[in-house]
Amino acid sequence: MAEYYKIGKLVAVFGLKGELVLKHTLGKKTSLKGLQAIFIEEKKQSFIPWFIETTKIKTEEEVYLKLEGVDTREAAMKLTQKEIWIPEPDFKKLAAKSAPASILGYTIINDNKPLSEVLEVIEQPHQLLCRIEINQKEVLIPLNEQTIQKIDHKKKQVSVSLPDGLLEIYL
């Protein structure tokens, strides 16, 4: 099965013809050129494609989107607040290397011990949180100046030094 990466959320409706505003975390201005469809996770691990008619850059982190079959403001309203996912190859093409979301799929290494793969990156005002799973339990790893030691893009690893007891809270 293809890997899907969350790139943002549909945050608003624009105009009367069903256009939407996508707030993304790709780390650079983009018109999503070359992307044919976005995916909405209807149920866990069940991604439904929505085909893109047109896109237009709004700001550094927002894009106007017109989706096939969404032709009214009311239809577009039903899609607002939905998270948007795209397949891994498209994500690799569109995301900036410096974008926080670019570490999706990387392995978190704590004090030279591999923990798990980054499943989601949650952006907060003063830090990033990486959602990983250890023994089927969700664990949130804070990424900030105190915890990050190194990000190795070649090896797809994020080396961290976590505060004592942090992992024990989750496990």
N, C-alpha and C. Protein backbone atom coordinates (compact mmCIF):
# COMPACT_ATOMS: atom_id res chain seq x y z
N MET A 1 0.84 -1.19 0.00
CA MET A 1 0.00 0.00 0.00
C MET A 1 0.89 1.25 0.00
N ALA A 2 0.46 2.23 -0.73
CA ALA A 2 1.22 3.49 -0.80
C ALA A 2 1.20 4.19 0.56
N GLU A 3 2.31 4.85 0.88
CA GLU A 3 2.38 5.67 2.09
C GLU A 3 1.76 7.03 1.78
N TYR A 4 0.94 7.53 2.70
CA TYR A 4 0.36 8.86 2.53
C TYR A 4 0.90 9.77 3.62
N TYR A 5 1.19 11.02 3.24
CA TYR A 5 1.72 12.00 4.18
C TYR A 5 0.72 13.13 4.32
N LYS A 6 0.45 13.52 5.56
CA LYS A 6 -0.46 14.62 5.80
C LYS A 6 0.26 15.93 5.48
N ILE A 7 -0.37 16.75 4.63
CA ILE A 7 0.28 18.01 4.25
C ILE A 7 -0.46 19.23 4.77
N GLY A 8 -1.64 19.03 5.36
CA GLY A 8 -2.36 20.20 5.85
C GLY A 8 -3.84 19.94 6.03
N LYS A 9 -4.58 21.03 5.95
CA LYS A 9 -6.00 20.98 6.26
C LYS A 9 -6.75 21.98 5.39
N LEU A 10 -7.97 21.62 5.00
CA LEU A 10 -8.83 22.56 4.29
C LEU A 10 -9.44 23.48 5.34
N VAL A 11 -9.07 24.76 5.31
CA VAL A 11 -9.44 25.65 6.41
C VAL A 11 -10.61 26.59 6.12
N ALA A 12 -10.93 26.80 4.83
CA ALA A 12 -12.00 27.76 4.53
C ALA A 12 -12.52 27.55 3.12
N VAL A 13 -13.69 28.14 2.88
CA VAL A 13 -14.28 28.18 1.55
C VAL A 13 -13.97 29.56 0.98
N PHE A 14 -13.73 29.61 -0.33
CA PHE A 14 -13.43 30.88 -0.99
C PHE A 14 -14.40 31.03 -2.14
N GLY A 15 -15.15 32.13 -2.16
CA GLY A 15 -16.07 32.40 -3.27
C GLY A 15 -17.31 31.53 -3.22
N LEU A 16 -18.04 31.53 -4.34
CA LEU A 16 -19.34 30.84 -4.39
C LEU A 16 -19.33 29.59 -5.25
N LYS A 17 -18.21 29.31 -5.91
CA LYS A 17 -18.15 28.19 -6.85
C LYS A 17 -17.45 26.96 -6.29
N GLY A 18 -17.32 26.86 -4.98
CA GLY A 18 -16.77 25.66 -4.37
C GLY A 18 -15.26 25.63 -4.20
N GLU A 19 -14.59 26.77 -4.33
CA GLU A 19 -13.14 26.78 -4.09
C GLU A 19 -12.86 26.67 -2.60
N LEU A 20 -11.75 26.04 -2.28
CA LEU A 20 -11.35 25.85 -0.89
C LEU A 20 -9.97 26.45 -0.66
N VAL A 21 -9.68 26.73 0.61
CA VAL A 21 -8.34 27.19 0.98
C VAL A 21 -7.66 26.04 1.73
N LEU A 22 -6.52 25.59 1.20
CA LEU A 22 -5.72 24.54 1.84
C LEU A 22 -4.55 25.20 2.56
N LYS A 23 -4.48 25.02 3.88
CA LYS A 23 -3.33 25.50 4.65
C LYS A 23 -2.38 24.31 4.75
N HIS A 24 -1.18 24.45 4.16
CA HIS A 24 -0.27 23.31 4.08
C HIS A 24 1.01 23.54 4.90
N THR A 25 1.74 22.45 5.10
CA THR A 25 2.98 22.49 5.87
C THR A 25 4.16 22.06 4.99
N LEU A 26 4.12 22.40 3.72
CA LEU A 26 5.18 21.98 2.80
C LEU A 26 6.44 22.82 2.91
N GLY A 27 6.36 23.95 3.61
CA GLY A 27 7.56 24.73 3.89
C GLY A 27 8.00 25.68 2.80
N LYS A 28 7.21 25.81 1.76
CA LYS A 28 7.53 26.78 0.70
C LYS A 28 6.26 27.09 -0.07
N LYS A 29 6.29 28.23 -0.78
CA LYS A 29 5.16 28.59 -1.64
C LYS A 29 5.02 27.53 -2.70
N THR A 30 3.79 27.10 -2.96
CA THR A 30 3.58 26.09 -4.00
C THR A 30 2.18 26.23 -4.57
N SER A 31 2.07 25.89 -5.86
CA SER A 31 0.75 25.85 -6.49
C SER A 31 0.33 24.38 -6.62
N LEU A 32 1.09 23.48 -6.02
CA LEU A 32 0.85 22.03 -6.09
C LEU A 32 0.92 21.53 -7.53
N LYS A 33 1.75 22.19 -8.35
CA LYS A 33 1.88 21.85 -9.76
C LYS A 33 2.22 20.37 -9.93
N GLY A 34 1.50 19.71 -10.82
CA GLY A 34 1.75 18.31 -11.10
C GLY A 34 0.94 17.36 -10.22
N LEU A 35 0.35 17.88 -9.17
CA LEU A 35 -0.46 17.03 -8.29
C LEU A 35 -1.84 16.88 -8.90
N GLN A 36 -2.28 15.65 -9.11
CA GLN A 36 -3.58 15.43 -9.76
C GLN A 36 -4.70 15.24 -8.76
N ALA A 37 -4.36 14.74 -7.58
CA ALA A 37 -5.41 14.47 -6.59
C ALA A 37 -4.87 14.68 -5.18
N ILE A 38 -5.78 15.03 -4.29
CA ILE A 38 -5.47 15.03 -2.86
C ILE A 38 -6.31 13.91 -2.25
N PHE A 39 -5.97 13.50 -1.06
CA PHE A 39 -6.68 12.40 -0.43
C PHE A 39 -7.20 12.85 0.93
N ILE A 40 -8.42 12.42 1.23
CA ILE A 40 -9.03 12.69 2.54
C ILE A 40 -9.24 11.33 3.19
N GLU A 41 -8.81 11.21 4.43
CA GLU A 41 -8.95 9.94 5.15
C GLU A 41 -10.37 9.87 5.71
N GLU A 42 -11.24 9.13 5.02
CA GLU A 42 -12.64 9.00 5.45
C GLU A 42 -12.72 8.14 6.71
N LYS A 43 -12.04 6.99 6.66
CA LYS A 43 -11.93 6.10 7.82
C LYS A 43 -10.45 5.82 7.99
N LYS A 44 -10.06 5.30 9.15
CA LYS A 44 -8.65 5.00 9.41
C LYS A 44 -8.07 4.18 8.26
N GLN A 45 -6.97 4.67 7.67
CA GLN A 45 -6.25 4.01 6.57
C GLN A 45 -7.10 3.80 5.31
N SER A 46 -8.19 4.58 5.15
CA SER A 46 -9.01 4.51 3.95
C SER A 46 -9.02 5.90 3.32
N PHE A 47 -8.19 6.07 2.29
CA PHE A 47 -8.00 7.38 1.69
C PHE A 47 -8.82 7.52 0.41
N ILE A 48 -9.66 8.54 0.36
CA ILE A 48 -10.51 8.79 -0.80
C ILE A 48 -9.90 9.91 -1.64
N PRO A 49 -9.68 9.65 -2.95
CA PRO A 49 -9.08 10.70 -3.79
C PRO A 49 -10.10 11.77 -4.19
N TRP A 50 -9.64 13.00 -4.21
CA TRP A 50 -10.42 14.13 -4.73
C TRP A 50 -9.54 14.74 -5.82
N PHE A 51 -10.06 14.79 -7.02
CA PHE A 51 -9.26 15.25 -8.16
C PHE A 51 -9.26 16.77 -8.24
N ILE A 52 -8.08 17.31 -8.54
CA ILE A 52 -7.88 18.75 -8.56
C ILE A 52 -8.20 19.31 -9.94
N GLU A 53 -9.07 20.33 -10.00
CA GLU A 53 -9.33 21.03 -11.25
C GLU A 53 -8.32 22.15 -11.44
N THR A 54 -8.21 23.04 -10.43
CA THR A 54 -7.26 24.15 -10.52
C THR A 54 -6.70 24.46 -9.15
N THR A 55 -5.53 25.10 -9.15
CA THR A 55 -4.93 25.58 -7.89
C THR A 55 -4.35 26.96 -8.16
N LYS A 56 -4.22 27.73 -7.11
CA LYS A 56 -3.60 29.05 -7.22
C LYS A 56 -2.98 29.40 -5.87
N ILE A 57 -1.75 29.91 -5.88
CA ILE A 57 -1.07 30.28 -4.64
C ILE A 57 -1.81 31.44 -3.98
N LYS A 58 -2.05 31.32 -2.68
CA LYS A 58 -2.64 32.43 -1.92
C LYS A 58 -1.54 33.12 -1.11
N THR A 59 -0.86 32.33 -0.25
CA THR A 59 0.24 32.87 0.57
C THR A 59 1.34 31.82 0.63
N GLU A 60 2.33 32.09 1.47
CA GLU A 60 3.46 31.16 1.69
C GLU A 60 2.96 29.76 2.07
N GLU A 61 1.87 29.72 2.86
CA GLU A 61 1.41 28.40 3.31
C GLU A 61 -0.06 28.11 3.02
N GLU A 62 -0.63 28.84 2.06
CA GLU A 62 -2.02 28.58 1.68
C GLU A 62 -2.17 28.56 0.17
N VAL A 63 -3.08 27.69 -0.30
CA VAL A 63 -3.36 27.53 -1.73
C VAL A 63 -4.86 27.48 -1.92
N TYR A 64 -5.34 28.18 -2.96
CA TYR A 64 -6.74 28.02 -3.36
C TYR A 64 -6.83 26.73 -4.16
N LEU A 65 -7.85 25.92 -3.88
CA LEU A 65 -8.04 24.63 -4.54
C LEU A 65 -9.44 24.54 -5.10
N LYS A 66 -9.56 24.07 -6.33
CA LYS A 66 -10.89 23.78 -6.89
C LYS A 66 -10.88 22.29 -7.18
N LEU A 67 -11.80 21.56 -6.56
CA LEU A 67 -11.86 20.11 -6.72
C LEU A 67 -13.00 19.71 -7.64
N GLU A 68 -12.80 18.64 -8.41
CA GLU A 68 -13.85 18.12 -9.30
C GLU A 68 -15.08 17.76 -8.49
N GLY A 69 -16.24 18.14 -8.97
CA GLY A 69 -17.50 17.77 -8.32
C GLY A 69 -17.87 18.65 -7.15
N VAL A 70 -17.03 19.59 -6.78
CA VAL A 70 -17.34 20.52 -5.69
C VAL A 70 -17.59 21.88 -6.35
N ASP A 71 -18.89 22.16 -6.63
CA ASP A 71 -19.22 23.33 -7.43
C ASP A 71 -20.02 24.39 -6.69
N THR A 72 -20.32 24.14 -5.42
CA THR A 72 -21.08 25.13 -4.65
C THR A 72 -20.39 25.40 -3.33
N ARG A 73 -20.71 26.52 -2.77
CA ARG A 73 -20.17 26.89 -1.45
C ARG A 73 -20.55 25.84 -0.41
N GLU A 74 -21.80 25.33 -0.49
CA GLU A 74 -22.30 24.34 0.47
C GLU A 74 -21.51 23.03 0.38
N ALA A 75 -21.24 22.58 -0.84
CA ALA A 75 -20.46 21.35 -1.02
C ALA A 75 -19.06 21.52 -0.45
N ALA A 76 -18.47 22.70 -0.69
CA ALA A 76 -17.12 22.97 -0.19
C ALA A 76 -17.11 23.02 1.34
N MET A 77 -18.16 23.59 1.94
CA MET A 77 -18.25 23.69 3.41
C MET A 77 -18.12 22.31 4.07
N LYS A 78 -18.68 21.28 3.43
CA LYS A 78 -18.63 19.92 4.00
C LYS A 78 -17.20 19.39 4.10
N LEU A 79 -16.30 19.96 3.28
CA LEU A 79 -14.91 19.49 3.29
C LEU A 79 -13.99 20.30 4.19
N THR A 80 -14.48 21.46 4.69
CA THR A 80 -13.59 22.26 5.53
C THR A 80 -13.28 21.52 6.82
N GLN A 81 -12.11 21.78 7.36
CA GLN A 81 -11.55 21.16 8.55
C GLN A 81 -11.11 19.71 8.33
N LYS A 82 -11.17 19.23 7.10
CA LYS A 82 -10.66 17.88 6.79
C LYS A 82 -9.15 17.96 6.56
N GLU A 83 -8.45 16.94 7.03
CA GLU A 83 -7.01 16.86 6.82
C GLU A 83 -6.74 16.31 5.43
N ILE A 84 -5.69 16.84 4.81
CA ILE A 84 -5.35 16.45 3.44
C ILE A 84 -4.06 15.64 3.42
N TRP A 85 -4.08 14.57 2.66
CA TRP A 85 -2.94 13.66 2.55
C TRP A 85 -2.56 13.54 1.08
N ILE A 86 -1.28 13.28 0.80
CA ILE A 86 -0.85 13.00 -0.57
C ILE A 86 0.12 11.82 -0.54
N PRO A 87 0.23 11.10 -1.66
CA PRO A 87 1.15 9.95 -1.71
C PRO A 87 2.61 10.40 -1.53
N GLU A 88 3.42 9.50 -1.02
CA GLU A 88 4.82 9.79 -0.71
C GLU A 88 5.60 10.39 -1.89
N PRO A 89 5.50 9.83 -3.11
CA PRO A 89 6.30 10.41 -4.20
C PRO A 89 5.95 11.89 -4.46
N ASP A 90 4.67 12.23 -4.40
CA ASP A 90 4.25 13.62 -4.59
C ASP A 90 4.77 14.49 -3.45
N PHE A 91 4.72 13.96 -2.24
CA PHE A 91 5.20 14.71 -1.07
C PHE A 91 6.68 15.05 -1.24
N LYS A 92 7.46 14.06 -1.66
CA LYS A 92 8.91 14.26 -1.83
C LYS A 92 9.19 15.37 -2.85
N LYS A 93 8.36 15.44 -3.91
CA LYS A 93 8.55 16.46 -4.94
C LYS A 93 8.16 17.86 -4.44
N LEU A 94 7.13 17.94 -3.61
CA LEU A 94 6.55 19.24 -3.24
C LEU A 94 7.12 19.85 -1.97
N ALA A 95 7.58 19.03 -1.03
CA ALA A 95 8.00 19.56 0.28
C ALA A 95 9.41 20.14 0.22
N ALA A 96 9.59 21.25 0.91
CA ALA A 96 10.93 21.83 1.05
C ALA A 96 11.73 20.95 2.01
N LYS A 97 13.05 20.86 1.79
CA LYS A 97 13.90 20.07 2.69
C LYS A 97 13.82 20.59 4.12
N SER A 98 13.60 21.92 4.25
CA SER A 98 13.56 22.52 5.58
C SER A 98 12.17 22.43 6.22
N ALA A 99 11.19 21.93 5.49
CA ALA A 99 9.83 21.86 6.03
C ALA A 99 9.78 20.82 7.15
N PRO A 100 9.12 21.17 8.26
CA PRO A 100 9.00 20.19 9.34
C PRO A 100 8.43 18.86 8.87
N ALA A 101 7.47 18.91 7.96
CA ALA A 101 6.84 17.68 7.48
C ALA A 101 7.81 16.79 6.71
N SER A 102 8.97 17.34 6.29
CA SER A 102 9.91 16.54 5.50
C SER A 102 10.54 15.42 6.32
N ILE A 103 10.39 15.43 7.63
CA ILE A 103 10.95 14.34 8.45
C ILE A 103 9.95 13.19 8.65
N LEU A 104 8.79 13.25 8.00
CA LEU A 104 7.85 12.12 8.06
C LEU A 104 8.56 10.89 7.51
N GLY A 105 8.39 9.77 8.21
CA GLY A 105 9.03 8.54 7.77
C GLY A 105 10.46 8.37 8.28
N TYR A 106 11.04 9.43 8.85
CA TYR A 106 12.38 9.32 9.42
C TYR A 106 12.30 8.52 10.73
N THR A 107 13.42 7.95 11.13
CA THR A 107 13.48 7.21 12.39
C THR A 107 13.98 8.13 13.50
N ILE A 108 13.29 8.09 14.63
CA ILE A 108 13.74 8.86 15.80
C ILE A 108 14.75 8.00 16.56
N ILE A 109 15.92 8.56 16.82
CA ILE A 109 16.98 7.86 17.55
C ILE A 109 17.19 8.61 18.87
N ASN A 110 17.01 7.93 19.99
CA ASN A 110 17.24 8.55 21.29
C ASN A 110 18.47 7.91 21.92
N ASP A 111 19.50 8.72 22.17
CA ASP A 111 20.74 8.23 22.77
C ASP A 111 21.23 6.95 22.09
N ASN A 112 21.35 7.01 20.75
CA ASN A 112 21.84 5.92 19.90
C ASN A 112 20.93 4.69 19.83
N LYS A 113 19.70 4.77 20.36
CA LYS A 113 18.75 3.65 20.25
C LYS A 113 17.60 4.07 19.35
N PRO A 114 17.36 3.32 18.24
CA PRO A 114 16.22 3.64 17.38
C PRO A 114 14.91 3.42 18.14
N LEU A 115 14.01 4.38 18.07
CA LEU A 115 12.72 4.26 18.76
C LEU A 115 11.63 3.82 17.79
N SER A 116 11.37 4.67 16.78
CA SER A 116 10.30 4.37 15.86
C SER A 116 10.31 5.38 14.72
N GLU A 117 9.45 5.15 13.75
CA GLU A 117 9.34 6.03 12.59
C GLU A 117 8.38 7.18 12.90
N VAL A 118 8.65 8.37 12.36
CA VAL A 118 7.77 9.52 12.54
C VAL A 118 6.51 9.32 11.70
N LEU A 119 5.35 9.25 12.37
CA LEU A 119 4.08 9.03 11.69
C LEU A 119 3.37 10.34 11.38
N GLU A 120 3.62 11.36 12.23
CA GLU A 120 2.96 12.64 12.04
C GLU A 120 3.81 13.73 12.67
N VAL A 121 3.80 14.91 12.08
CA VAL A 121 4.49 16.06 12.65
C VAL A 121 3.43 17.08 13.02
N ILE A 122 3.40 17.45 14.29
CA ILE A 122 2.41 18.40 14.80
C ILE A 122 3.14 19.70 15.11
N GLU A 123 2.77 20.77 14.40
CA GLU A 123 3.45 22.04 14.61
C GLU A 123 2.76 22.82 15.72
N GLN A 124 3.54 23.27 16.68
CA GLN A 124 3.05 24.10 17.78
C GLN A 124 3.87 25.39 17.79
N PRO A 125 3.40 26.42 18.51
CA PRO A 125 4.11 27.70 18.47
C PRO A 125 5.60 27.62 18.81
N HIS A 126 6.01 26.87 19.82
CA HIS A 126 7.40 26.89 20.26
C HIS A 126 8.18 25.62 20.00
N GLN A 127 7.50 24.60 19.42
CA GLN A 127 8.19 23.34 19.14
C GLN A 127 7.37 22.50 18.18
N LEU A 128 7.99 21.47 17.70
CA LEU A 128 7.30 20.46 16.90
C LEU A 128 7.11 19.24 17.78
N LEU A 129 6.05 18.52 17.55
CA LEU A 129 5.86 17.22 18.20
C LEU A 129 5.83 16.18 17.09
N CYS A 130 6.56 15.09 17.30
CA CYS A 130 6.53 13.98 16.37
C CYS A 130 5.73 12.86 17.01
N ARG A 131 4.73 12.38 16.27
CA ARG A 131 3.94 11.25 16.78
C ARG A 131 4.59 9.98 16.26
N ILE A 132 4.94 9.09 17.19
CA ILE A 132 5.49 7.79 16.84
C ILE A 132 4.69 6.74 17.60
N GLU A 133 4.92 5.48 17.29
CA GLU A 133 4.29 4.40 18.06
C GLU A 133 5.37 3.46 18.57
N ILE A 134 5.26 3.13 19.86
CA ILE A 134 6.15 2.14 20.47
C ILE A 134 5.26 1.14 21.18
N ASN A 135 5.39 -0.12 20.83
CA ASN A 135 4.56 -1.20 21.41
C ASN A 135 3.07 -0.87 21.28
N GLN A 136 2.64 -0.45 20.10
CA GLN A 136 1.24 -0.07 19.81
C GLN A 136 0.72 1.08 20.67
N LYS A 137 1.61 1.84 21.30
CA LYS A 137 1.19 3.00 22.10
C LYS A 137 1.68 4.27 21.42
N GLU A 138 0.80 5.27 21.39
CA GLU A 138 1.18 6.55 20.79
C GLU A 138 2.11 7.31 21.72
N VAL A 139 3.21 7.84 21.14
CA VAL A 139 4.19 8.60 21.92
C VAL A 139 4.45 9.91 21.17
N LEU A 140 4.43 11.02 21.91
CA LEU A 140 4.72 12.32 21.30
C LEU A 140 6.12 12.76 21.73
N ILE A 141 6.97 12.99 20.74
CA ILE A 141 8.35 13.38 20.98
C ILE A 141 8.49 14.87 20.67
N PRO A 142 8.89 15.68 21.66
CA PRO A 142 9.08 17.11 21.37
C PRO A 142 10.39 17.34 20.62
N LEU A 143 10.32 18.17 19.58
CA LEU A 143 11.52 18.55 18.86
C LEU A 143 11.73 20.04 19.06
N ASN A 144 12.79 20.39 19.74
CA ASN A 144 13.12 21.80 19.97
C ASN A 144 14.64 21.90 20.15
N GLU A 145 15.10 23.09 20.47
CA GLU A 145 16.56 23.29 20.59
C GLU A 145 17.20 22.38 21.64
N GLN A 146 16.45 22.06 22.70
CA GLN A 146 17.02 21.23 23.76
C GLN A 146 17.06 19.74 23.39
N THR A 147 16.11 19.28 22.57
CA THR A 147 16.04 17.83 22.32
C THR A 147 16.73 17.39 21.03
N ILE A 148 16.71 18.21 19.98
CA ILE A 148 17.31 17.78 18.70
C ILE A 148 18.83 17.84 18.79
N GLN A 149 19.46 16.72 18.41
CA GLN A 149 20.91 16.70 18.31
C GLN A 149 21.34 16.82 16.86
N LYS A 150 20.65 16.06 15.96
CA LYS A 150 21.06 16.06 14.57
C LYS A 150 19.93 15.50 13.71
N ILE A 151 19.80 16.07 12.50
CA ILE A 151 18.87 15.51 11.51
C ILE A 151 19.73 15.08 10.33
N ASP A 152 19.69 13.78 10.04
CA ASP A 152 20.48 13.21 8.96
C ASP A 152 19.54 12.85 7.81
N HIS A 153 19.49 13.72 6.78
CA HIS A 153 18.56 13.49 5.67
C HIS A 153 18.97 12.28 4.83
N LYS A 154 20.27 11.99 4.75
CA LYS A 154 20.72 10.83 3.96
C LYS A 154 20.24 9.52 4.60
N LYS A 155 20.43 9.42 5.92
CA LYS A 155 20.04 8.18 6.62
C LYS A 155 18.58 8.20 7.06
N LYS A 156 17.90 9.34 6.86
CA LYS A 156 16.50 9.52 7.30
C LYS A 156 16.36 9.25 8.79
N GLN A 157 17.18 9.96 9.57
CA GLN A 157 17.17 9.80 11.03
C GLN A 157 17.14 11.16 11.72
N VAL A 158 16.44 11.20 12.84
CA VAL A 158 16.45 12.39 13.70
C VAL A 158 17.00 11.93 15.04
N SER A 159 18.18 12.42 15.40
CA SER A 159 18.79 12.05 16.68
C SER A 159 18.34 13.05 17.73
N VAL A 160 17.83 12.52 18.84
CA VAL A 160 17.35 13.37 19.92
C VAL A 160 17.94 12.92 21.24
N SER A 161 17.90 13.81 22.21
CA SER A 161 18.25 13.46 23.58
C SER A 161 17.04 13.87 24.41
N LEU A 162 16.26 12.87 24.79
CA LEU A 162 15.00 13.15 25.49
C LEU A 162 15.20 13.28 26.99
N PRO A 163 14.39 14.11 27.63
CA PRO A 163 14.47 14.24 29.09
C PRO A 163 14.19 12.88 29.76
N ASP A 164 14.89 12.63 30.87
CA ASP A 164 14.67 11.38 31.60
C ASP A 164 13.21 11.23 31.97
N GLY A 165 12.69 10.01 31.75
CA GLY A 165 11.32 9.73 32.17
C GLY A 165 10.26 10.05 31.14
N LEU A 166 10.59 10.76 30.05
CA LEU A 166 9.57 11.12 29.07
C LEU A 166 8.92 9.90 28.43
N LEU A 167 9.72 8.93 27.99
CA LEU A 167 9.16 7.74 27.35
C LEU A 167 8.34 6.92 28.34
N GLU A 168 8.78 6.87 29.59
CA GLU A 168 8.09 6.07 30.60
C GLU A 168 6.65 6.56 30.82
N ILE A 169 6.41 7.86 30.63
CA ILE A 169 5.06 8.41 30.78
C ILE A 169 4.09 7.70 29.83
N TYR A 170 4.57 7.43 28.61
CA TYR A 170 3.71 6.82 27.60
C TYR A 170 3.64 5.31 27.69
N LEU A 171 4.74 4.70 28.17
CA LEU A 171 4.84 3.24 28.13
C LEU A 171 4.65 2.68 29.48
